[in-house]
N, C-alpha and C. Protein backbone atom coordinates (compact mmCIF):
# COMPACT_ATOMS: atom_id res chain seq x y z
N MET A 1 212.88 25.70 148.94
CA MET A 1 211.56 26.00 149.49
C MET A 1 211.74 26.57 150.90
N HIS A 2 210.92 27.55 151.22
CA HIS A 2 210.96 28.16 152.54
C HIS A 2 210.64 27.08 153.58
N PRO A 3 211.47 26.90 154.62
CA PRO A 3 211.24 25.85 155.62
C PRO A 3 209.88 25.90 156.30
N CYS A 4 209.28 27.07 156.43
CA CYS A 4 207.96 27.16 157.07
C CYS A 4 206.88 26.45 156.26
N LEU A 5 207.09 26.29 154.96
CA LEU A 5 206.09 25.65 154.11
C LEU A 5 206.01 24.14 154.32
N THR A 6 206.95 23.59 155.09
CA THR A 6 206.88 22.17 155.45
C THR A 6 206.87 21.99 156.96
N CYS A 7 206.49 23.02 157.69
CA CYS A 7 206.52 22.94 159.15
C CYS A 7 205.14 23.18 159.75
N GLY A 8 204.85 24.42 160.15
CA GLY A 8 203.57 24.75 160.77
C GLY A 8 203.54 24.52 162.27
N ALA A 9 204.65 24.11 162.85
CA ALA A 9 204.68 23.78 164.28
C ALA A 9 204.33 24.95 165.18
N CYS A 10 204.78 26.16 164.83
CA CYS A 10 204.50 27.31 165.70
C CYS A 10 203.01 27.57 165.84
N CYS A 11 202.23 27.23 164.82
CA CYS A 11 200.78 27.47 164.83
C CYS A 11 200.04 26.47 165.71
N THR A 12 200.77 25.52 166.31
CA THR A 12 200.16 24.53 167.19
C THR A 12 200.72 24.59 168.61
N GLN A 13 201.49 25.64 168.89
CA GLN A 13 202.15 25.71 170.20
C GLN A 13 201.88 26.97 170.99
N TYR A 14 201.45 28.04 170.34
CA TYR A 14 201.37 29.33 171.03
C TYR A 14 200.01 29.98 170.87
N ARG A 15 199.59 30.68 171.92
CA ARG A 15 198.38 31.49 171.83
C ARG A 15 198.68 32.65 170.88
N VAL A 16 197.77 32.90 169.97
CA VAL A 16 197.92 33.99 169.01
C VAL A 16 196.99 35.11 169.46
N ALA A 17 197.51 35.99 170.32
CA ALA A 17 196.73 37.08 170.89
C ALA A 17 197.21 38.41 170.32
N PHE A 18 196.26 39.31 170.05
CA PHE A 18 196.59 40.59 169.43
C PHE A 18 195.51 41.61 169.76
N HIS A 19 195.81 42.88 169.57
CA HIS A 19 194.87 43.95 169.89
C HIS A 19 193.66 43.88 168.96
N TRP A 20 192.48 44.16 169.50
CA TRP A 20 191.24 44.07 168.73
C TRP A 20 191.23 44.99 167.52
N MET A 21 192.06 46.02 167.49
CA MET A 21 192.11 46.95 166.35
C MET A 21 192.65 46.28 165.09
N GLU A 22 193.28 45.11 165.22
CA GLU A 22 193.79 44.38 164.05
C GLU A 22 192.69 43.61 163.32
N SER A 23 191.52 43.55 163.90
CA SER A 23 190.39 42.81 163.32
C SER A 23 189.88 43.50 162.06
N ASP A 24 189.38 42.72 161.12
CA ASP A 24 188.81 43.30 159.90
C ASP A 24 187.51 44.04 160.16
N GLU A 25 186.96 43.92 161.38
CA GLU A 25 185.79 44.72 161.75
C GLU A 25 186.18 46.18 161.95
N VAL A 26 187.47 46.43 162.17
CA VAL A 26 187.97 47.77 162.44
C VAL A 26 188.97 48.23 161.37
N SER A 27 189.82 47.34 160.93
CA SER A 27 190.88 47.68 159.99
C SER A 27 190.69 46.92 158.68
N GLU A 28 190.59 47.65 157.59
CA GLU A 28 190.44 47.01 156.28
C GLU A 28 191.63 46.09 156.03
N GLY A 29 191.36 44.87 155.61
CA GLY A 29 192.42 43.90 155.37
C GLY A 29 192.97 43.28 156.64
N GLY A 30 192.27 43.48 157.74
CA GLY A 30 192.72 42.94 159.02
C GLY A 30 192.43 41.47 159.19
N VAL A 31 192.68 40.97 160.37
CA VAL A 31 192.44 39.56 160.71
C VAL A 31 190.94 39.30 160.65
N PRO A 32 190.53 38.25 159.93
CA PRO A 32 189.10 37.96 159.86
C PRO A 32 188.49 37.74 161.26
N ALA A 33 187.58 38.62 161.64
CA ALA A 33 186.96 38.56 162.97
C ALA A 33 186.26 37.23 163.20
N ALA A 34 185.73 36.63 162.16
CA ALA A 34 185.01 35.36 162.30
C ALA A 34 185.92 34.23 162.78
N LEU A 35 187.23 34.42 162.67
CA LEU A 35 188.18 33.38 163.09
C LEU A 35 188.81 33.69 164.45
N THR A 36 188.27 34.67 165.15
CA THR A 36 188.85 35.08 166.43
C THR A 36 187.87 34.87 167.58
N GLU A 37 188.39 34.95 168.78
CA GLU A 37 187.56 34.98 169.98
C GLU A 37 188.15 36.00 170.94
N ARG A 38 187.29 36.56 171.81
CA ARG A 38 187.74 37.59 172.74
C ARG A 38 188.58 36.96 173.84
N LEU A 39 189.74 37.55 174.07
CA LEU A 39 190.62 37.11 175.14
C LEU A 39 190.39 37.95 176.39
N ASP A 40 190.34 39.26 176.22
CA ASP A 40 190.03 40.17 177.31
C ASP A 40 189.50 41.46 176.69
N ALA A 41 189.39 42.53 177.47
CA ALA A 41 188.79 43.76 176.98
C ALA A 41 189.55 44.40 175.82
N HIS A 42 190.81 44.08 175.69
CA HIS A 42 191.63 44.73 174.67
C HIS A 42 192.18 43.78 173.61
N ARG A 43 192.09 42.50 173.86
CA ARG A 43 192.73 41.54 172.94
C ARG A 43 191.77 40.47 172.45
N LEU A 44 192.06 40.06 171.22
CA LEU A 44 191.42 38.89 170.61
C LEU A 44 192.48 37.82 170.50
N CYS A 45 192.06 36.60 170.23
CA CYS A 45 193.02 35.56 169.89
C CYS A 45 192.42 34.72 168.77
N MET A 46 193.28 34.09 168.02
CA MET A 46 192.81 33.22 166.96
C MET A 46 192.11 32.02 167.59
N GLN A 47 190.97 31.63 167.01
CA GLN A 47 190.28 30.44 167.49
C GLN A 47 191.24 29.26 167.41
N GLY A 48 191.17 28.42 168.42
CA GLY A 48 192.03 27.25 168.49
C GLY A 48 193.33 27.49 169.23
N THR A 49 193.58 28.76 169.64
CA THR A 49 194.84 29.03 170.35
C THR A 49 194.62 29.51 171.78
N TYR A 50 193.37 29.61 172.22
CA TYR A 50 193.09 30.10 173.57
C TYR A 50 193.62 29.16 174.64
N ALA A 51 193.40 27.86 174.46
CA ALA A 51 193.79 26.87 175.45
C ALA A 51 194.16 25.56 174.75
N PRO A 52 194.96 24.72 175.42
CA PRO A 52 195.35 23.44 174.81
C PRO A 52 194.14 22.57 174.51
N PRO A 53 194.19 21.76 173.50
CA PRO A 53 195.29 21.63 172.55
C PRO A 53 195.27 22.80 171.57
N ILE A 54 196.43 23.38 171.36
CA ILE A 54 196.59 24.55 170.49
C ILE A 54 196.68 24.11 169.04
N ARG A 55 195.86 24.72 168.21
CA ARG A 55 195.99 24.59 166.76
C ARG A 55 195.17 25.73 166.15
N CYS A 56 195.86 26.68 165.57
CA CYS A 56 195.20 27.85 164.99
C CYS A 56 194.21 27.42 163.92
N VAL A 57 193.04 28.01 163.94
CA VAL A 57 191.98 27.69 162.99
C VAL A 57 192.41 28.01 161.54
N ALA A 58 193.34 28.93 161.36
CA ALA A 58 193.78 29.32 160.02
C ALA A 58 194.87 28.40 159.46
N LEU A 59 195.33 27.46 160.26
CA LEU A 59 196.40 26.56 159.82
C LEU A 59 195.85 25.44 158.95
N ASP A 60 196.43 25.31 157.77
CA ASP A 60 196.14 24.19 156.86
C ASP A 60 197.46 23.45 156.75
N ALA A 61 197.59 22.34 157.48
CA ALA A 61 198.90 21.69 157.53
C ALA A 61 198.83 20.26 157.99
N GLU A 62 199.83 19.52 157.58
CA GLU A 62 200.23 18.26 158.20
C GLU A 62 201.64 18.59 158.69
N ILE A 63 201.77 18.77 159.99
CA ILE A 63 203.01 19.27 160.57
C ILE A 63 204.20 18.45 160.09
N GLY A 64 205.21 19.16 159.60
CA GLY A 64 206.42 18.53 159.11
C GLY A 64 206.34 18.07 157.67
N VAL A 65 205.16 18.18 157.06
CA VAL A 65 205.00 17.74 155.67
C VAL A 65 204.66 18.93 154.77
N TYR A 66 203.56 19.60 155.09
CA TYR A 66 203.18 20.81 154.36
C TYR A 66 202.51 21.75 155.34
N SER A 67 202.56 23.03 155.05
CA SER A 67 201.97 24.00 155.95
C SER A 67 201.62 25.26 155.17
N ARG A 68 200.45 25.80 155.49
CA ARG A 68 200.04 27.06 154.89
C ARG A 68 199.08 27.75 155.84
N CYS A 69 199.23 29.06 155.94
CA CYS A 69 198.30 29.88 156.71
C CYS A 69 197.22 30.33 155.74
N SER A 70 195.98 29.96 156.02
CA SER A 70 194.89 30.29 155.10
C SER A 70 194.56 31.77 155.07
N ILE A 71 195.11 32.55 156.02
CA ILE A 71 194.88 34.00 156.03
C ILE A 71 196.22 34.75 155.99
N HIS A 72 197.22 34.16 155.41
CA HIS A 72 198.58 34.71 155.46
C HIS A 72 198.67 36.21 155.22
N PRO A 73 198.07 36.77 154.17
CA PRO A 73 198.17 38.23 153.99
C PRO A 73 197.48 39.03 155.08
N ASN A 74 196.55 38.41 155.81
CA ASN A 74 195.79 39.10 156.85
C ASN A 74 196.09 38.55 158.24
N ARG A 75 197.21 37.87 158.40
CA ARG A 75 197.53 37.27 159.69
C ARG A 75 197.87 38.36 160.72
N PRO A 76 197.72 38.04 162.00
CA PRO A 76 197.99 39.01 163.06
C PRO A 76 199.47 39.40 163.12
N SER A 77 199.70 40.55 163.72
CA SER A 77 201.07 41.07 163.85
C SER A 77 201.96 40.10 164.62
N VAL A 78 201.42 39.42 165.63
CA VAL A 78 202.25 38.50 166.41
C VAL A 78 202.78 37.36 165.53
N CYS A 79 202.01 36.95 164.54
CA CYS A 79 202.48 35.90 163.64
C CYS A 79 203.60 36.42 162.74
N ARG A 80 203.48 37.66 162.35
CA ARG A 80 204.51 38.28 161.50
C ARG A 80 205.82 38.44 162.25
N GLU A 81 205.75 38.50 163.58
CA GLU A 81 206.94 38.75 164.40
C GLU A 81 207.70 37.48 164.78
N VAL A 82 207.15 36.31 164.53
CA VAL A 82 207.84 35.07 164.86
C VAL A 82 208.74 34.69 163.68
N ASP A 83 210.03 34.79 163.91
CA ASP A 83 211.00 34.42 162.86
C ASP A 83 211.33 32.95 162.95
N ALA A 84 211.57 32.35 161.82
CA ALA A 84 212.09 30.99 161.80
C ALA A 84 213.56 31.06 162.19
N SER A 85 214.05 30.03 162.86
CA SER A 85 215.45 30.02 163.28
C SER A 85 216.37 30.21 162.09
N TRP A 86 217.28 31.12 162.25
CA TRP A 86 218.34 31.42 161.29
C TRP A 86 217.86 32.09 160.01
N GLU A 87 216.57 32.40 159.92
CA GLU A 87 216.08 33.09 158.72
C GLU A 87 216.77 34.45 158.57
N PHE A 88 217.04 35.08 159.71
CA PHE A 88 217.71 36.38 159.70
C PHE A 88 219.02 36.31 160.48
N ALA A 89 219.74 35.20 160.30
CA ALA A 89 221.08 34.98 160.87
C ALA A 89 221.10 34.89 162.39
N ALA A 90 220.00 34.43 162.99
CA ALA A 90 219.95 34.25 164.44
C ALA A 90 218.97 33.12 164.76
N PRO A 91 219.23 32.41 165.87
CA PRO A 91 218.29 31.36 166.26
C PRO A 91 216.99 31.97 166.79
N SER A 92 215.91 31.20 166.79
CA SER A 92 214.63 31.63 167.33
C SER A 92 214.18 30.57 168.33
N THR A 93 214.12 30.95 169.59
CA THR A 93 213.70 30.02 170.64
C THR A 93 212.27 29.53 170.38
N GLN A 94 211.39 30.42 169.95
CA GLN A 94 210.00 30.02 169.68
C GLN A 94 209.95 28.96 168.57
N CYS A 95 210.66 29.19 167.51
CA CYS A 95 210.69 28.24 166.39
C CYS A 95 211.27 26.90 166.86
N ASP A 96 212.42 26.96 167.52
CA ASP A 96 213.09 25.73 167.96
C ASP A 96 212.20 24.91 168.90
N ARG A 97 211.54 25.57 169.86
CA ARG A 97 210.67 24.85 170.80
C ARG A 97 209.47 24.21 170.10
N ALA A 98 208.87 24.95 169.17
CA ALA A 98 207.70 24.42 168.46
C ALA A 98 208.09 23.22 167.62
N ARG A 99 209.21 23.31 166.91
CA ARG A 99 209.66 22.19 166.08
C ARG A 99 209.99 20.98 166.96
N MET A 100 210.65 21.21 168.08
CA MET A 100 211.02 20.13 168.99
C MET A 100 209.77 19.41 169.51
N ALA A 101 208.70 20.14 169.78
CA ALA A 101 207.46 19.54 170.28
C ALA A 101 206.86 18.55 169.28
N HIS A 102 207.23 18.67 168.02
CA HIS A 102 206.73 17.77 166.97
C HIS A 102 207.81 16.82 166.48
N GLY A 103 208.94 16.77 167.19
CA GLY A 103 210.02 15.87 166.79
C GLY A 103 210.77 16.32 165.55
N LEU A 104 210.65 17.58 165.20
CA LEU A 104 211.36 18.11 164.04
C LEU A 104 212.69 18.71 164.49
N PRO A 105 213.73 18.58 163.69
CA PRO A 105 215.01 19.18 164.07
C PRO A 105 214.95 20.70 163.99
N SER A 106 215.77 21.35 164.80
CA SER A 106 215.87 22.80 164.72
C SER A 106 216.45 23.19 163.37
N LEU A 107 216.03 24.34 162.88
CA LEU A 107 216.58 24.83 161.63
C LEU A 107 218.00 25.34 161.88
N THR A 108 218.80 25.32 160.85
CA THR A 108 220.17 25.82 160.91
C THR A 108 220.38 26.82 159.78
N ALA A 109 221.51 27.47 159.77
CA ALA A 109 221.83 28.41 158.70
C ALA A 109 221.81 27.70 157.34
N ALA A 110 222.14 26.42 157.30
CA ALA A 110 222.16 25.66 156.05
C ALA A 110 220.77 25.54 155.43
N ASP A 111 219.72 25.65 156.24
CA ASP A 111 218.36 25.56 155.72
C ASP A 111 217.98 26.79 154.89
N TRP A 112 218.81 27.81 154.90
CA TRP A 112 218.53 29.05 154.17
C TRP A 112 219.46 29.26 152.99
N ARG A 113 220.32 28.28 152.70
CA ARG A 113 221.28 28.44 151.60
C ARG A 113 220.62 28.63 150.25
N TRP A 114 219.40 28.12 150.08
CA TRP A 114 218.70 28.28 148.81
C TRP A 114 218.49 29.74 148.47
N ARG A 115 218.58 30.63 149.48
CA ARG A 115 218.41 32.06 149.23
C ARG A 115 219.72 32.77 148.93
N ASP A 116 220.85 32.12 149.19
CA ASP A 116 222.14 32.74 148.96
C ASP A 116 222.38 32.96 147.48
N PRO A 117 222.91 34.11 147.09
CA PRO A 117 223.16 34.38 145.67
C PRO A 117 224.04 33.31 145.02
N ALA A 118 225.03 32.78 145.73
CA ALA A 118 225.93 31.78 145.15
C ALA A 118 225.20 30.48 144.86
N ASP A 119 224.15 30.19 145.61
CA ASP A 119 223.41 28.95 145.42
C ASP A 119 222.12 29.16 144.64
N ASN A 120 221.86 30.39 144.21
CA ASN A 120 220.62 30.71 143.52
C ASN A 120 220.90 30.87 142.04
N ASP A 121 220.36 29.95 141.25
CA ASP A 121 220.62 30.00 139.81
C ASP A 121 219.64 30.90 139.08
N GLY A 122 218.81 31.66 139.84
CA GLY A 122 217.89 32.59 139.21
C GLY A 122 216.54 31.98 138.87
N ASP A 123 216.39 30.68 139.01
CA ASP A 123 215.13 30.03 138.67
C ASP A 123 214.26 29.76 139.88
N HIS A 124 214.71 30.14 141.07
CA HIS A 124 213.95 29.87 142.28
C HIS A 124 212.93 30.96 142.53
N PRO A 125 211.70 30.60 142.88
CA PRO A 125 210.72 31.62 143.21
C PRO A 125 211.04 32.27 144.54
N ASP A 126 210.51 33.46 144.77
CA ASP A 126 210.70 34.10 146.06
C ASP A 126 209.72 33.50 147.08
N ASP A 127 209.69 34.07 148.29
CA ASP A 127 208.85 33.52 149.36
C ASP A 127 207.36 33.58 149.04
N ASN A 128 206.97 34.38 148.04
CA ASN A 128 205.56 34.48 147.65
C ASN A 128 205.23 33.61 146.45
N GLY A 129 206.21 32.81 145.98
CA GLY A 129 205.98 31.93 144.85
C GLY A 129 206.15 32.60 143.50
N ASN A 130 206.63 33.84 143.50
CA ASN A 130 206.83 34.56 142.24
C ASN A 130 208.19 34.23 141.65
N SER A 131 208.24 34.03 140.36
CA SER A 131 209.50 33.81 139.70
C SER A 131 210.27 35.12 139.67
N PRO A 132 211.60 35.04 139.69
CA PRO A 132 212.36 36.28 139.66
C PRO A 132 212.13 37.02 138.35
N SER A 133 212.20 38.33 138.43
CA SER A 133 212.01 39.10 137.20
C SER A 133 213.26 38.98 136.33
N SER A 134 213.07 39.19 135.06
CA SER A 134 214.19 39.13 134.13
C SER A 134 215.11 40.30 134.39
N PRO A 135 216.41 40.12 134.15
CA PRO A 135 217.33 41.23 134.35
C PRO A 135 217.00 42.32 133.35
N PRO A 136 217.26 43.57 133.72
CA PRO A 136 216.94 44.66 132.82
C PRO A 136 217.77 44.56 131.54
N VAL A 137 217.16 44.94 130.45
CA VAL A 137 217.83 44.90 129.16
C VAL A 137 218.51 46.24 128.96
N THR A 138 219.79 46.20 128.63
CA THR A 138 220.52 47.43 128.39
C THR A 138 220.04 48.03 127.07
N PRO A 139 219.62 49.29 127.08
CA PRO A 139 219.14 49.89 125.84
C PRO A 139 220.28 50.00 124.82
N ILE A 140 219.92 49.81 123.58
CA ILE A 140 220.90 49.92 122.50
C ILE A 140 220.72 51.28 121.88
N ALA A 141 221.81 52.02 121.81
CA ALA A 141 221.75 53.37 121.24
C ALA A 141 221.42 53.28 119.74
N ALA A 142 220.61 54.21 119.27
CA ALA A 142 220.22 54.20 117.85
C ALA A 142 221.29 54.80 116.98
C-alpha cells in the first residue's frame, strides 16, 4: 500500500497556497473554489490551512491510520509537488517534518519495496487502486 494512504501528516502541517487560476471557477477540473479562501490578490489557499491549527478541509484521515484527499484528482499543484520521502529515491524534508510532528517515523527506501519488480508478484494494484493489466497474448499464426 502507498505509504501516504496511512499518513496524511503533510495535510496538517503546511499552508496550501496556489494561484487563483487553479480554481474550478477559472479552470475546468480545477480546485473546488468552495473549499478555498483568498490569501492575497493572486493566491488562494485551501480552507483550514491559512493559520494554525492546520488541517486541510479536503483531508479525510486519522493521521497514521488512514488518509485520503477528498479532491485528489483536483488537488492544487503544490500538493502534487510534495513527494513522500524516498518515493523517488530521495528524502523529502517536508514529508519527514510532517510525519515527525505526529510521532510517525520517517519513510525509508524500504517503504517502497512493494513497487519493486522483484517484490511485485503482479497482483498488487497501482497507486490508483487499479489491478495490473494482463500481459499481452502472443498471437498464434493461422
